[in-house]
Every structure is written in structure tokens, then in C-alpha cells.
Amino acid sequence: MSLSCGLDEAAKHDVLTTIVVFGASGDLAKKKTYPALFHLYQQGLLPRRTRILGYARTQMEHDQFASRITSFFKRDQTTQSAIDGFLSLCGYVSGKYDVDDDFVRLREEIDRQEHAMHKRAEDERVHIYYLALPPSVFVSVGTQIRTNVYDGSCTNRVVIEKPFGHDLDSSRKLSKDIGALYAEDEIYRIDHYLGKEMVKNILALRFANVFYEAVWNRHYISNVQITFKEPFGTEGRGGYFDEFGIIRDVMQNHLLQVLSIVAMHQPQSLRSEDIRDRKTEVLRRILPIQLEDTLLGQYVGTKDASKPGYKDDDTVPKDSITPTFAQCVLHVDNDRWRGVPWVIKAGKALDEAKMVIRIQFKDMPNALFPSLARNELVLQVSPKEAVYIKTIVKEPGLSTNLAMSELDLSYHKRYQDIKIPDAYATLILDVLNGDHSNFVRSDELDEAWRIFTPLLHQIDRDQVIPLPYEYGSRGPKGVDEFATERAGYKLTAREYHWQPKPNTGKL
């Protein structure tokens, strides 16, 4: 949120910057990291003197490396000259992740690139180490960087991808090991949901509009639902997913981070630490989740066999009881939210792709009109960003009938000329600017695992079998009743579906 790093814009743009992408030959780097860096390059948001070095075990010639990292660039509006210009900033070093000499070579290449960028004694320099790697090598690679690459004469920033541990104990050990190598302000734990446009918009929506913040409490809000849906299964990657399950993969990180932003008190300022202080305050007041407040599911194949079940994936053990769907009720035990249930739901192989935050308000007391339904404020994070309010109005005409309608801000209509950046591009820009606002602090991480670890351990210990649900359905039996009975959610009295209006090109 606070984009200033203590430099004016001209000075920031001339910072001599080296970005090292570890795991440069992997899927994450190819699909996310390099396309995000290219987007920043196209927008002129990389510092003028920037070099990007890839590092991985794979032996590759430059042409092979260039072909790989550009394979996911969006080429519909991309010129070859822009790609060539970006590639001129990129280099590649192959080496192992546990060999001192290989990391010494990497440091020598960084020094060589800095001299090629006309390094001066008075230059401010930044080294960014992006670990697009599995967590099993975080500490070994971090140790090699600290021993053989780290340059104490410049600013060093280390970006770490999730998962940050497997439970509370493993997370604390990882934090302790990484913390022994780097200061907390050098560490950027990336959760890409914090870079999504609508998630970043929550602060502005709440604290820049008096009519939202005035009712943002237990006196007016009945319940809050945060839902994440994917319309596809593990698609051959079930062996990886089976180690974690949907709770560790999505809920403990992405959805809990979103919840903390929706629920937090107003920060003292937009400085990163003030924001993260408020988020951590919320997490500390969330009670550990109980198994009885949890619904687990695992998808099975369709009746016509057109879509496979989770255990039909050859990489998944045939006796796996790993949940691919979970729905939990959480409670924030503070004066603002006491008594308000928070429902978080996530699942694979469901009926649609959607990430949505649904805030349902209480019934009108002593209503003059019979209520058709409760008011709801809905923030749709994906696939199309939107904010809409479900509200009751009189139907047009001579009747006095009431109807459910909406006040609708659909981003694809209102902001037709603005391209919303990818979340990774947004977050990498934050790293370049030294802004921690949208990254996870160690104490936030600790509290998040405290909330979920007892539940995860009970599921493992008791071998809780998830309920089956068909690929492409809304989830296991009882999913709607769960929200109604456990959280007091009221469905709209009559059938109502919000659909964004088609883009006519007219405002």
C-alpha cells in the first residue's frame, strides 16, 4: 500500500537492480514469474538498470532458455521487439542447489552484469532472490545464497513461495531457519492472492467510504462467506496435491489472508507494518477450528465417465482420504465480530471457477416492507472483478411488488481501457519498491497455522473420510445446509442470480 521506499521516482528508477530467479527451468518460473517480469518490463516499471538471471540445475543454451521462459507470454498484443528487448536483460546460470562452487559462479556473474550496467560507487543497488522452488530446498538454497552470493553492501530481498510449512511446528522451524539467515525485513513470503486487484481494493472500499465502515460490524452483519472454486481436478498432479490437501493448499493461506483483511480494524496508516499489525490482531482472535464445524469432501468421476475422480489420477494413492473440498466455520472473538460466523469454502472439480467474498447483512428490524431477502455486499475477486450490492427495490410499474436487484460495479464494463495486472506482477513490483504490505509476516504465519493445525492433526489422526461429490457439482451433500445451519446464512427467497451485464461499449 505504501509505495515509497524513501527515494523519489527518478532515483528509484535508476537503482541498479539484479533479480535472480531460482528454479528458472520449472513450471512456476515459466508460467508466472517470467510473464510477470515481462509485464513490468512492457509497462516501463522495471528500474532502468535491471538484469534478470535464471538459475537451475538444467543445462540449457541461451536459445533454449529464451524459448522456455517466453512460452507463456501473451502474444496477442506483444511485439517480437518487446520480447527481444526483455530477453536482452536475461541470462542463465546452471548449477546445483547444494554446491558452493556453483553459487560462487553465480555471484561472479552478478558482479559481471553489474559492471556491464556501469556500476558506480555511489549507486544504490538491490539484489532480489526469487525462490521459485519447492519448500524442501528453501533452507539449503537460502544458506548458499547467504554464504556465497549475499552482498552486504547492497539491499538484499528474498522472495519465498508457499507452502510455508506443513503445520505449526514445521512452519516455526522453517521461520527459525530462514530467520537465522535473513532479517525479517529482507524476507517476502509471497501469497499471490494478496496481489489480486479486488483483494487489494478491500482497504479502499472499507476505509474510504463512510457508509461501508459504519456497518462493518456484528450489529449489522449476520455472516461472511469466502468461497474459492475451481472447475478442474488435479489433472495428473494429484501426487503433489495429495501431500497437502485443499486446507493446506488454499484455506490456511489464501482464504485466511483475505479474511484477515476483511475483518481487521482500521490501521494507523497505510505503512506495511501498520497493515500487517492489524491483520495479525485479527488472526490472534480467531479460535482454532473444530472438526464439527468442518465439512470435507473428495470428488469422484461423473456418472457418464467423462470426467475422472480424484483417485483415478495415477499419481494419487488408491486409498487416499485427502480432502479436495472443505468448508469451515470460524469465529473472530473480538468486540467487532463476536457472534458473527465466518464461512470459508474451497474445492476442486466444482461447478464453476469463482473466488468471491459474500457479506450478508441482518434482517431489517420492524421492517415496513416484508423482506424478500437479506442485503448482501459481494466482492467477486475472479474470474471477472466486480462489486455488487443485493438490494430490494420496488418493481417498475403500477404494482407495489418488491424485487431483488443490484447496484453493480463490474470492472470489465466500468474500466474498459485499463488492463488489470496479474497478481504476480503486482507483487514483484511491491518487492522492487520494498513494500511488505501484501506479504505474509512471520507472526501472521504462526497464527494462521495455530488456527488450522489442531484440525489438520485430528483429520490425520482419526483418518476422517471425506464425503464423495461428483466432478462438476457444487460439492458434497449438505453443503448448502451447512452454511444455513452453522452460520445462519439465508438464501434468497426467490431464485436470484447475479450476472454481469454484457459489455456494450457504452457508459
Protein backbone atom coordinates (compact mmCIF):
# COMPACT_ATOMS: atom_id res chain seq x y z
CA MET A 1 0.00 0.00 0.00
CA SER A 2 2.80 2.41 0.83
CA LEU A 3 4.78 2.52 -2.37
CA SER A 4 7.52 4.88 -1.29
CA CYS A 5 10.94 3.48 -0.46
CA GLY A 6 12.45 6.75 0.66
CA LEU A 7 13.52 7.69 -2.87
CA ASP A 8 11.94 9.96 -5.44
CA GLU A 9 10.61 8.26 -8.58
CA ALA A 10 13.60 9.18 -10.73
CA ALA A 11 16.03 7.83 -8.15
CA LYS A 12 14.07 4.61 -7.69
CA HIS A 13 14.05 4.06 -11.44
CA ASP A 14 17.85 4.27 -11.55
CA VAL A 15 18.52 1.77 -8.75
CA LEU A 16 20.92 -0.84 -10.05
CA THR A 17 18.83 -4.00 -9.73
CA THR A 18 19.65 -7.67 -10.12
CA ILE A 19 16.86 -10.25 -9.96
CA VAL A 20 17.87 -13.91 -9.62
CA VAL A 21 15.13 -16.45 -10.31
CA PHE A 22 16.00 -19.79 -8.70
CA GLY A 23 14.16 -22.69 -10.29
CA ALA A 24 14.21 -20.85 -13.61
CA SER A 25 13.60 -24.04 -15.59
CA GLY A 26 10.49 -25.01 -13.58
CA ASP A 27 6.78 -24.55 -14.22
CA LEU A 28 6.27 -21.73 -11.70
CA ALA A 29 9.00 -19.60 -13.26
CA LYS A 30 7.76 -20.32 -16.78
CA LYS A 31 4.05 -19.77 -16.09
CA LYS A 32 4.14 -16.98 -13.51
CA THR A 33 7.49 -15.37 -12.63
CA TYR A 34 8.86 -14.54 -16.07
CA PRO A 35 5.49 -13.47 -17.57
CA ALA A 36 5.07 -11.12 -14.58
CA LEU A 37 8.57 -9.68 -15.07
CA PHE A 38 7.85 -9.22 -18.77
CA HIS A 39 4.62 -7.37 -17.95
CA LEU A 40 6.54 -4.97 -15.71
CA TYR A 41 9.11 -4.50 -18.49
CA GLN A 42 6.37 -3.69 -21.01
CA GLN A 43 4.86 -1.13 -18.63
CA GLY A 44 8.23 0.52 -18.03
CA LEU A 45 8.11 -0.42 -14.34
CA LEU A 46 11.45 -2.19 -14.04
CA PRO A 47 14.31 0.05 -12.93
CA ARG A 48 16.27 1.37 -15.91
CA ARG A 49 19.34 -0.68 -14.99
CA THR A 50 17.97 -4.17 -14.36
CA ARG A 51 19.36 -7.63 -15.09
CA ILE A 52 17.47 -10.88 -14.58
CA LEU A 53 19.45 -14.07 -14.05
CA GLY A 54 17.88 -17.51 -14.05
CA TYR A 55 19.46 -20.30 -12.01
CA ALA A 56 18.55 -24.00 -12.15
CA ARG A 57 20.11 -27.45 -12.44
CA THR A 58 19.06 -27.94 -16.08
CA GLN A 59 21.79 -27.41 -18.67
CA MET A 60 20.41 -25.07 -21.35
CA GLU A 61 21.77 -22.97 -24.15
CA HIS A 62 20.55 -19.38 -24.29
CA ASP A 63 18.10 -20.03 -27.15
CA GLN A 64 16.55 -22.98 -25.33
CA PHE A 65 16.27 -20.93 -22.14
CA ALA A 66 14.73 -17.99 -24.02
CA SER A 67 12.17 -20.25 -25.69
CA ARG A 68 11.18 -21.75 -22.36
CA ILE A 69 10.70 -18.54 -20.36
CA THR A 70 8.71 -16.84 -23.13
CA SER A 71 6.40 -19.80 -23.82
CA PHE A 72 3.60 -18.38 -21.63
CA PHE A 73 3.85 -14.75 -22.75
CA LYS A 74 0.56 -13.39 -24.06
CA ARG A 75 1.39 -12.74 -27.67
CA ASP A 76 -1.87 -11.27 -28.95
CA GLN A 77 -0.68 -7.71 -28.27
CA THR A 78 3.02 -8.43 -27.81
CA THR A 79 5.59 -7.50 -30.42
CA GLN A 80 8.68 -9.54 -31.05
CA SER A 81 10.77 -6.43 -30.48
CA ALA A 82 9.37 -6.17 -26.92
CA ILE A 83 10.24 -9.82 -26.27
CA ASP A 84 13.72 -9.30 -27.70
CA GLY A 85 14.21 -6.24 -25.52
CA PHE A 86 13.20 -8.19 -22.42
CA LEU A 87 15.45 -11.13 -23.32
CA SER A 88 18.39 -8.75 -23.60
CA LEU A 89 18.04 -8.27 -19.82
CA CYS A 90 18.00 -12.01 -19.13
CA GLY A 91 20.77 -14.51 -18.56
CA TYR A 92 21.03 -18.05 -17.26
CA VAL A 93 23.42 -19.91 -14.99
CA SER A 94 23.13 -23.66 -14.47
CA GLY A 95 24.22 -25.19 -11.20
CA LYS A 96 23.21 -27.44 -8.35
CA TYR A 97 21.44 -26.21 -5.24
CA ASP A 98 23.96 -27.57 -2.76
CA VAL A 99 27.36 -26.91 -4.37
CA ASP A 100 29.39 -23.95 -3.14
CA ASP A 101 31.36 -23.50 -6.38
CA ASP A 102 28.15 -23.16 -8.42
CA PHE A 103 26.90 -20.34 -6.21
CA VAL A 104 30.31 -18.68 -6.33
CA ARG A 105 29.97 -18.70 -10.13
CA LEU A 106 26.55 -17.13 -9.77
CA ARG A 107 27.97 -14.32 -7.62
CA GLU A 108 30.71 -13.75 -10.20
CA GLU A 109 28.06 -13.48 -12.92
CA ILE A 110 26.09 -10.98 -10.83
CA ASP A 111 29.24 -8.87 -10.41
CA ARG A 112 29.94 -9.09 -14.14
CA GLN A 113 26.41 -7.99 -15.01
CA GLU A 114 26.60 -5.06 -12.59
CA HIS A 115 29.80 -3.84 -14.21
CA ALA A 116 28.09 -4.18 -17.61
CA MET A 117 25.38 -1.86 -16.24
CA HIS A 118 28.10 0.72 -15.46
CA LYS A 119 28.16 0.21 -11.71
CA ARG A 120 29.34 3.28 -9.78
CA ALA A 121 30.50 3.54 -6.19
CA GLU A 122 27.60 5.83 -5.29
CA ASP A 123 24.93 3.59 -6.85
CA GLU A 124 22.13 2.25 -4.73
CA ARG A 125 21.93 -1.46 -5.51
CA VAL A 126 19.25 -4.08 -4.90
CA HIS A 127 19.59 -7.86 -5.20
CA ILE A 128 16.32 -9.82 -5.33
CA TYR A 129 16.48 -13.60 -4.92
CA TYR A 130 13.21 -15.20 -6.05
CA LEU A 131 12.92 -18.82 -4.86
CA ALA A 132 10.54 -20.41 -7.39
CA LEU A 133 11.40 -23.72 -5.75
CA PRO A 134 9.81 -26.47 -3.63
CA PRO A 135 9.98 -25.78 0.12
CA SER A 136 12.26 -28.77 0.66
CA VAL A 137 15.20 -26.74 -0.69
CA PHE A 138 14.35 -23.30 0.76
CA VAL A 139 16.82 -23.55 3.61
CA SER A 140 19.68 -25.15 1.64
CA VAL A 141 19.37 -22.59 -1.18
CA GLY A 142 18.91 -19.78 1.33
CA THR A 143 22.08 -20.90 3.10
CA GLN A 144 24.04 -20.99 -0.16
CA ILE A 145 22.83 -17.51 -1.07
CA ARG A 146 23.77 -16.15 2.36
CA THR A 147 27.21 -17.81 2.28
CA ASN A 148 28.29 -17.32 -1.33
CA VAL A 149 26.07 -14.73 -3.03
CA TYR A 150 24.75 -12.27 -0.43
CA ASP A 151 26.26 -8.81 -0.77
CA GLY A 152 26.26 -6.82 2.45
CA SER A 153 27.00 -3.58 0.61
CA CYS A 154 23.58 -3.54 -1.08
CA THR A 155 19.91 -4.17 -0.24
CA ASN A 156 19.01 -7.87 -0.33
CA ARG A 157 15.46 -9.21 -0.64
CA VAL A 158 14.46 -12.90 -0.60
CA VAL A 159 11.10 -13.95 -2.06
CA ILE A 160 9.72 -17.28 -0.84
CA GLU A 161 6.74 -19.12 -2.32
CA LYS A 162 4.21 -21.11 -0.31
CA PRO A 163 3.72 -23.60 1.24
CA PHE A 164 5.38 -22.21 4.35
CA GLY A 165 5.47 -25.45 6.29
CA HIS A 166 3.05 -28.35 6.78
CA ASP A 167 1.76 -27.49 10.26
CA LEU A 168 2.60 -25.18 13.16
CA ASP A 169 5.81 -26.95 14.20
CA SER A 170 7.24 -27.27 10.68
CA SER A 171 6.32 -23.66 9.92
CA ARG A 172 8.07 -22.45 13.06
CA LYS A 173 11.16 -24.48 12.18
CA LEU A 174 11.21 -23.04 8.65
CA SER A 175 10.76 -19.50 10.02
CA LYS A 176 13.55 -20.07 12.53
CA ASP A 177 15.92 -21.48 9.88
CA ILE A 178 15.21 -18.71 7.37
CA GLY A 179 15.25 -16.12 10.15
CA ALA A 180 18.75 -17.21 11.13
CA LEU A 181 19.91 -16.33 7.61
CA TYR A 182 17.98 -13.12 6.86
CA ALA A 183 16.37 -10.26 8.73
CA GLU A 184 12.55 -10.21 8.67
CA ASP A 185 12.55 -7.06 6.53
CA GLU A 186 14.60 -8.91 3.90
CA ILE A 187 12.03 -11.74 3.61
CA TYR A 188 9.00 -11.56 1.31
CA ARG A 189 6.63 -14.54 1.77
CA ILE A 190 4.50 -14.35 -1.33
CA ASP A 191 0.81 -15.23 -1.34
CA HIS A 192 -0.40 -14.33 -4.80
CA TYR A 193 -3.98 -13.76 -3.63
CA LEU A 194 -2.76 -10.65 -1.83
CA GLY A 195 -1.81 -9.25 -5.24
CA LYS A 196 -5.26 -9.66 -6.78
CA GLU A 197 -6.98 -6.42 -7.69
CA MET A 198 -10.16 -6.97 -5.70
CA VAL A 199 -8.29 -8.13 -2.58
CA LYS A 200 -6.12 -5.02 -2.73
CA ASN A 201 -9.33 -2.99 -3.17
CA ILE A 202 -10.81 -4.11 0.17
CA LEU A 203 -8.92 -1.48 2.17
CA ALA A 204 -10.10 1.36 -0.08
CA LEU A 205 -13.66 0.08 -0.15
CA ARG A 206 -13.83 -0.12 3.64
CA PHE A 207 -11.85 2.85 4.85
CA ALA A 208 -12.55 5.41 2.12
CA ASN A 209 -16.37 5.01 2.25
CA VAL A 210 -18.16 6.01 5.44
CA PHE A 211 -21.32 4.02 4.63
CA TYR A 212 -19.41 0.70 4.46
CA GLU A 213 -17.27 1.11 7.55
CA ALA A 214 -20.27 2.31 9.57
CA VAL A 215 -21.99 -1.08 9.23
CA TRP A 216 -18.85 -3.27 9.18
CA ASN A 217 -19.54 -4.99 12.49
CA ARG A 218 -21.61 -7.57 14.38
CA HIS A 219 -24.52 -5.15 14.88
CA TYR A 220 -25.36 -5.18 11.16
CA ILE A 221 -23.60 -8.19 9.60
CA SER A 222 -25.08 -11.65 10.05
CA ASN A 223 -22.36 -13.77 8.43
CA VAL A 224 -19.47 -13.64 5.96
CA GLN A 225 -18.62 -16.28 3.34
CA ILE A 226 -15.33 -16.51 1.45
CA THR A 227 -15.52 -19.04 -1.38
CA PHE A 228 -12.89 -20.43 -3.73
CA LYS A 229 -13.98 -22.76 -6.54
CA GLU A 230 -12.02 -24.48 -9.30
CA PRO A 231 -13.84 -26.30 -12.13
CA PHE A 232 -10.98 -28.75 -12.71
CA GLY A 233 -9.35 -31.52 -10.71
CA THR A 234 -5.70 -32.35 -10.10
CA GLU A 235 -5.15 -33.24 -13.78
CA GLY A 236 -2.18 -35.54 -13.27
CA ARG A 237 -0.63 -33.52 -10.42
CA GLY A 238 -2.50 -35.34 -7.68
CA GLY A 239 0.68 -36.80 -6.22
CA TYR A 240 1.81 -33.29 -5.29
CA PHE A 241 -1.63 -32.20 -4.12
CA ASP A 242 -2.07 -35.34 -2.01
CA GLU A 243 0.77 -34.22 0.27
CA PHE A 244 -1.19 -31.13 1.25
CA GLY A 245 -4.92 -31.32 0.56
CA ILE A 246 -7.26 -28.41 -0.01
CA ILE A 247 -6.95 -26.97 3.52
CA ARG A 248 -3.18 -26.55 3.36
CA ASP A 249 -3.21 -25.67 -0.34
CA VAL A 250 -5.80 -22.88 -0.29
CA MET A 251 -7.55 -22.23 3.02
CA GLN A 252 -4.75 -21.82 5.58
CA ASN A 253 -3.06 -19.24 3.36
CA HIS A 254 -5.12 -17.58 0.60
CA LEU A 255 -8.55 -17.54 2.24
CA LEU A 256 -7.33 -16.79 5.75
CA GLN A 257 -5.29 -13.87 4.45
CA VAL A 258 -8.39 -12.49 2.71
CA LEU A 259 -10.42 -12.96 5.90
CA SER A 260 -7.85 -11.02 7.93
CA ILE A 261 -8.13 -8.02 5.58
CA VAL A 262 -11.94 -8.06 5.59
CA ALA A 263 -12.08 -8.36 9.39
CA MET A 264 -9.27 -6.10 10.58
CA HIS A 265 -9.63 -2.74 12.32
CA GLN A 266 -8.51 0.39 10.52
CA PRO A 267 -4.70 0.60 10.53
CA GLN A 268 -2.98 3.73 11.82
CA SER A 269 -1.58 4.37 8.33
CA LEU A 270 -1.03 2.60 5.02
CA ARG A 271 2.53 1.69 6.01
CA SER A 272 3.12 -2.01 5.57
CA GLU A 273 3.79 -2.78 9.23
CA ASP A 274 0.66 -0.95 10.38
CA ILE A 275 -1.43 -3.03 7.96
CA ARG A 276 0.23 -6.30 8.97
CA ASP A 277 -0.17 -5.43 12.66
CA ARG A 278 -3.94 -5.15 12.18
CA LYS A 279 -4.12 -8.41 10.21
CA THR A 280 -2.20 -10.23 12.93
CA GLU A 281 -4.52 -8.80 15.60
CA VAL A 282 -7.45 -10.45 13.84
CA LEU A 283 -5.71 -13.80 13.46
CA ARG A 284 -4.85 -13.85 17.17
CA ARG A 285 -8.55 -13.57 18.00
CA ILE A 286 -9.66 -16.49 15.81
CA LEU A 287 -10.40 -19.64 17.75
CA PRO A 288 -8.94 -22.96 16.50
CA ILE A 289 -11.33 -24.67 14.06
CA GLN A 290 -13.30 -27.63 15.33
CA LEU A 291 -13.95 -30.78 13.30
CA GLU A 292 -17.69 -30.49 13.96
CA ASP A 293 -17.57 -27.09 12.23
CA THR A 294 -15.96 -28.64 9.15
CA LEU A 295 -17.34 -30.40 6.06
CA LEU A 296 -14.86 -32.42 3.99
CA GLY A 297 -15.27 -33.84 0.50
CA GLN A 298 -13.37 -35.68 -2.23
CA TYR A 299 -14.50 -35.64 -5.85
CA VAL A 300 -15.43 -38.77 -7.78
CA GLY A 301 -15.89 -39.27 -11.50
CA THR A 302 -19.03 -38.27 -13.37
CA LYS A 303 -21.73 -40.84 -13.94
CA ASP A 304 -21.05 -40.86 -17.67
CA ALA A 305 -17.30 -41.35 -17.00
CA SER A 306 -16.45 -38.20 -18.99
CA LYS A 307 -14.53 -36.77 -16.02
CA PRO A 308 -12.30 -38.83 -13.71
CA GLY A 309 -12.40 -38.99 -9.95
CA TYR A 310 -9.56 -37.85 -7.72
CA LYS A 311 -8.31 -41.39 -7.14
CA ASP A 312 -8.47 -42.13 -10.88
CA ASP A 313 -5.37 -39.91 -11.16
CA ASP A 314 -2.47 -42.37 -11.48
CA THR A 315 -0.32 -40.20 -9.20
CA VAL A 316 -2.81 -40.45 -6.30
CA PRO A 317 -2.77 -43.41 -3.87
CA LYS A 318 -5.88 -45.55 -4.37
CA ASP A 319 -6.66 -45.42 -0.64
CA SER A 320 -6.20 -41.64 -0.34
CA ILE A 321 -8.57 -39.80 2.01
CA THR A 322 -7.09 -36.38 1.23
CA PRO A 323 -9.91 -33.79 1.01
CA THR A 324 -10.31 -31.91 -2.27
CA PHE A 325 -13.16 -29.87 -0.75
CA ALA A 326 -13.51 -28.26 2.66
CA GLN A 327 -15.94 -25.88 4.30
CA CYS A 328 -15.22 -24.46 7.76
CA VAL A 329 -16.85 -22.05 10.17
CA LEU A 330 -14.51 -19.68 12.02
CA HIS A 331 -15.19 -17.22 14.82
CA VAL A 332 -13.35 -13.95 15.48
CA ASP A 333 -13.51 -13.37 19.22
CA ASN A 334 -13.37 -9.57 19.45
CA ASP A 335 -15.88 -6.77 20.05
CA ARG A 336 -16.35 -6.04 16.36
CA TRP A 337 -17.12 -9.60 15.25
CA ARG A 338 -18.15 -11.65 18.29
CA GLY A 339 -21.08 -13.88 17.30
CA VAL A 340 -20.59 -13.46 13.52
CA PRO A 341 -19.80 -16.77 11.77
CA TRP A 342 -17.19 -16.70 9.01
CA VAL A 343 -17.56 -19.49 6.45
CA ILE A 344 -14.57 -20.32 4.27
CA LYS A 345 -15.05 -22.83 1.47
CA ALA A 346 -12.68 -24.20 -1.15
CA GLY A 347 -12.80 -27.05 -3.58
CA LYS A 348 -11.57 -28.58 -6.81
CA ALA A 349 -13.66 -30.11 -9.62
CA LEU A 350 -16.68 -27.95 -8.76
CA ASP A 351 -19.34 -26.40 -10.99
CA GLU A 352 -17.57 -23.12 -11.82
CA ALA A 353 -14.45 -21.01 -11.42
CA LYS A 354 -15.03 -18.38 -8.77
CA MET A 355 -13.45 -16.56 -5.86
CA VAL A 356 -15.99 -14.44 -4.01
CA ILE A 357 -16.44 -12.66 -0.67
CA ARG A 358 -20.10 -12.51 0.37
CA ILE A 359 -21.12 -10.30 3.31
CA GLN A 360 -24.73 -10.90 4.36
CA PHE A 361 -26.43 -8.29 6.50
CA LYS A 362 -29.04 -8.93 9.18
CA ASP A 363 -32.79 -8.70 8.64
CA MET A 364 -34.37 -5.27 8.91
CA PRO A 365 -35.83 -4.83 12.42
CA ASN A 366 -39.54 -3.93 12.39
CA ALA A 367 -39.45 -3.79 8.60
CA LEU A 368 -42.09 -1.61 6.95
CA PHE A 369 -41.94 -3.92 3.94
CA PRO A 370 -41.90 -7.71 4.09
CA SER A 371 -38.32 -8.69 3.38
CA LEU A 372 -37.72 -10.71 0.25
CA ALA A 373 -34.15 -11.40 1.21
CA ARG A 374 -31.23 -10.01 3.13
CA ASN A 375 -28.98 -7.35 1.70
CA GLU A 376 -25.59 -8.63 0.62
CA LEU A 377 -22.35 -6.94 -0.37
CA VAL A 378 -20.47 -9.18 -2.77
CA LEU A 379 -16.87 -8.76 -3.87
CA GLN A 380 -16.06 -11.03 -6.79
CA VAL A 381 -12.30 -11.50 -6.94
CA SER A 382 -12.32 -13.75 -10.01
CA PRO A 383 -12.89 -14.59 -12.79
CA LYS A 384 -14.30 -11.10 -13.50
CA GLU A 385 -13.69 -8.45 -10.86
CA ALA A 386 -16.89 -6.91 -9.58
CA VAL A 387 -18.54 -5.32 -6.56
CA TYR A 388 -22.30 -5.51 -6.26
CA ILE A 389 -24.90 -4.98 -3.56
CA LYS A 390 -28.01 -7.12 -3.50
CA THR A 391 -30.75 -4.69 -2.57
CA ILE A 392 -34.54 -4.65 -2.50
CA VAL A 393 -36.42 -2.20 -4.74
CA LYS A 394 -39.98 -1.67 -5.96
CA GLU A 395 -40.67 -3.26 -9.32
CA PRO A 396 -41.18 -0.60 -12.01
CA GLY A 397 -44.79 -0.02 -12.99
CA LEU A 398 -48.15 0.33 -11.26
CA SER A 399 -47.72 -2.52 -8.79
CA THR A 400 -46.20 -2.28 -5.32
CA ASN A 401 -44.34 -5.55 -5.65
CA LEU A 402 -40.81 -5.71 -4.30
CA ALA A 403 -37.91 -7.27 -6.18
CA MET A 404 -34.28 -8.14 -5.59
CA SER A 405 -31.91 -6.12 -7.72
CA GLU A 406 -28.30 -4.99 -7.50
CA LEU A 407 -26.07 -1.96 -7.50
CA ASP A 408 -23.36 -3.21 -9.81
CA LEU A 409 -19.75 -2.19 -10.43
CA SER A 410 -18.41 -4.68 -12.96
CA TYR A 411 -14.80 -3.84 -13.70
CA HIS A 412 -14.86 -5.13 -17.27
CA LYS A 413 -17.59 -2.58 -18.04
CA ARG A 414 -16.52 0.39 -15.95
CA TYR A 415 -12.78 0.18 -16.61
CA GLN A 416 -12.71 -0.94 -20.23
CA ASP A 417 -9.45 0.82 -21.09
CA ILE A 418 -7.48 -0.42 -18.10
CA LYS A 419 -5.71 -3.77 -18.17
CA ILE A 420 -5.73 -5.25 -14.66
CA PRO A 421 -2.24 -6.65 -14.00
CA ASP A 422 -1.54 -10.22 -12.98
CA ALA A 423 -1.20 -10.69 -9.22
CA TYR A 424 2.41 -11.82 -9.55
CA ALA A 425 3.34 -8.68 -11.48
CA THR A 426 1.76 -6.56 -8.75
CA LEU A 427 3.65 -8.36 -6.00
CA ILE A 428 7.01 -8.34 -7.79
CA LEU A 429 6.57 -4.59 -8.21
CA ASP A 430 5.99 -4.37 -4.45
CA VAL A 431 9.26 -6.25 -3.89
CA LEU A 432 11.08 -3.83 -6.19
CA ASN A 433 9.59 -0.96 -4.18
CA GLY A 434 10.45 -2.57 -0.83
CA ASP A 435 6.78 -2.64 0.19
CA HIS A 436 5.84 -5.52 2.56
CA SER A 437 2.12 -4.66 2.78
CA ASN A 438 0.96 -7.58 0.66
CA PHE A 439 3.36 -10.19 2.03
CA VAL A 440 2.99 -12.52 4.98
CA ARG A 441 4.90 -11.69 8.16
CA SER A 442 6.26 -14.47 10.37
CA ASP A 443 3.82 -13.82 13.23
CA GLU A 444 0.87 -13.85 10.79
CA LEU A 445 2.06 -17.20 9.51
CA ASP A 446 2.41 -18.53 13.04
CA GLU A 447 -1.15 -17.54 13.94
CA ALA A 448 -2.57 -18.99 10.70
CA TRP A 449 -1.06 -22.39 11.47
CA ARG A 450 -2.23 -22.17 15.11
CA ILE A 451 -5.80 -21.87 13.83
CA PHE A 452 -5.65 -24.86 11.47
CA THR A 453 -3.09 -27.27 12.93
CA PRO A 454 -5.35 -28.93 15.58
CA LEU A 455 -7.95 -29.62 12.87
CA LEU A 456 -5.36 -30.98 10.43
CA HIS A 457 -3.84 -33.24 13.07
CA GLN A 458 -7.27 -34.57 14.08
CA ILE A 459 -8.15 -35.32 10.45
CA ASP A 460 -4.88 -37.23 10.05
CA ARG A 461 -5.08 -38.98 13.42
CA ASP A 462 -8.72 -40.06 13.12
CA GLN A 463 -8.42 -40.87 9.41
CA VAL A 464 -11.53 -38.79 8.68
CA ILE A 465 -13.06 -39.97 5.39
CA PRO A 466 -14.30 -37.11 3.19
CA LEU A 467 -17.77 -37.26 1.63
CA PRO A 468 -17.88 -38.03 -2.10
CA TYR A 469 -19.11 -35.45 -4.60
CA GLU A 470 -19.41 -35.69 -8.35
CA TYR A 471 -16.95 -33.85 -10.58
CA GLY A 472 -18.67 -30.65 -11.73
CA SER A 473 -21.16 -30.48 -8.85
CA ARG A 474 -21.49 -27.84 -6.11
CA GLY A 475 -19.79 -30.08 -3.56
CA PRO A 476 -20.73 -32.91 -1.19
CA LYS A 477 -24.22 -33.50 0.15
CA GLY A 478 -25.17 -30.96 2.78
CA VAL A 479 -23.03 -28.09 1.51
CA ASP A 480 -25.94 -25.60 1.41
CA GLU A 481 -27.44 -26.80 4.69
CA PHE A 482 -24.02 -26.41 6.31
CA ALA A 483 -23.96 -22.65 5.66
CA THR A 484 -27.58 -22.27 6.74
CA GLU A 485 -27.39 -24.31 9.94
CA ARG A 486 -23.85 -23.48 11.08
CA ALA A 487 -23.66 -19.83 10.02
CA GLY A 488 -27.26 -18.63 9.79
CA TYR A 489 -26.96 -17.84 6.08
CA LYS A 490 -30.33 -17.08 4.48
CA LEU A 491 -30.86 -18.00 0.85
CA THR A 492 -32.74 -15.52 -1.34
CA ALA A 493 -36.46 -16.16 -1.01
CA ARG A 494 -36.95 -16.39 -4.75
CA GLU A 495 -34.49 -17.62 -7.33
CA TYR A 496 -31.92 -14.88 -7.95
CA HIS A 497 -28.67 -14.99 -9.90
CA TRP A 498 -26.42 -12.01 -10.42
CA GLN A 499 -24.99 -11.87 -13.91
CA PRO A 500 -22.70 -9.09 -15.11
CA LYS A 501 -24.33 -7.13 -17.88
CA PRO A 502 -22.81 -7.63 -21.36
CA ASN A 503 -20.25 -5.07 -22.41
CA THR A 504 -21.99 -2.81 -24.97
CA GLY A 505 -19.14 -0.32 -25.19
CA LYS A 506 -21.41 2.38 -23.75
CA LEU A 507 -21.02 4.03 -20.35
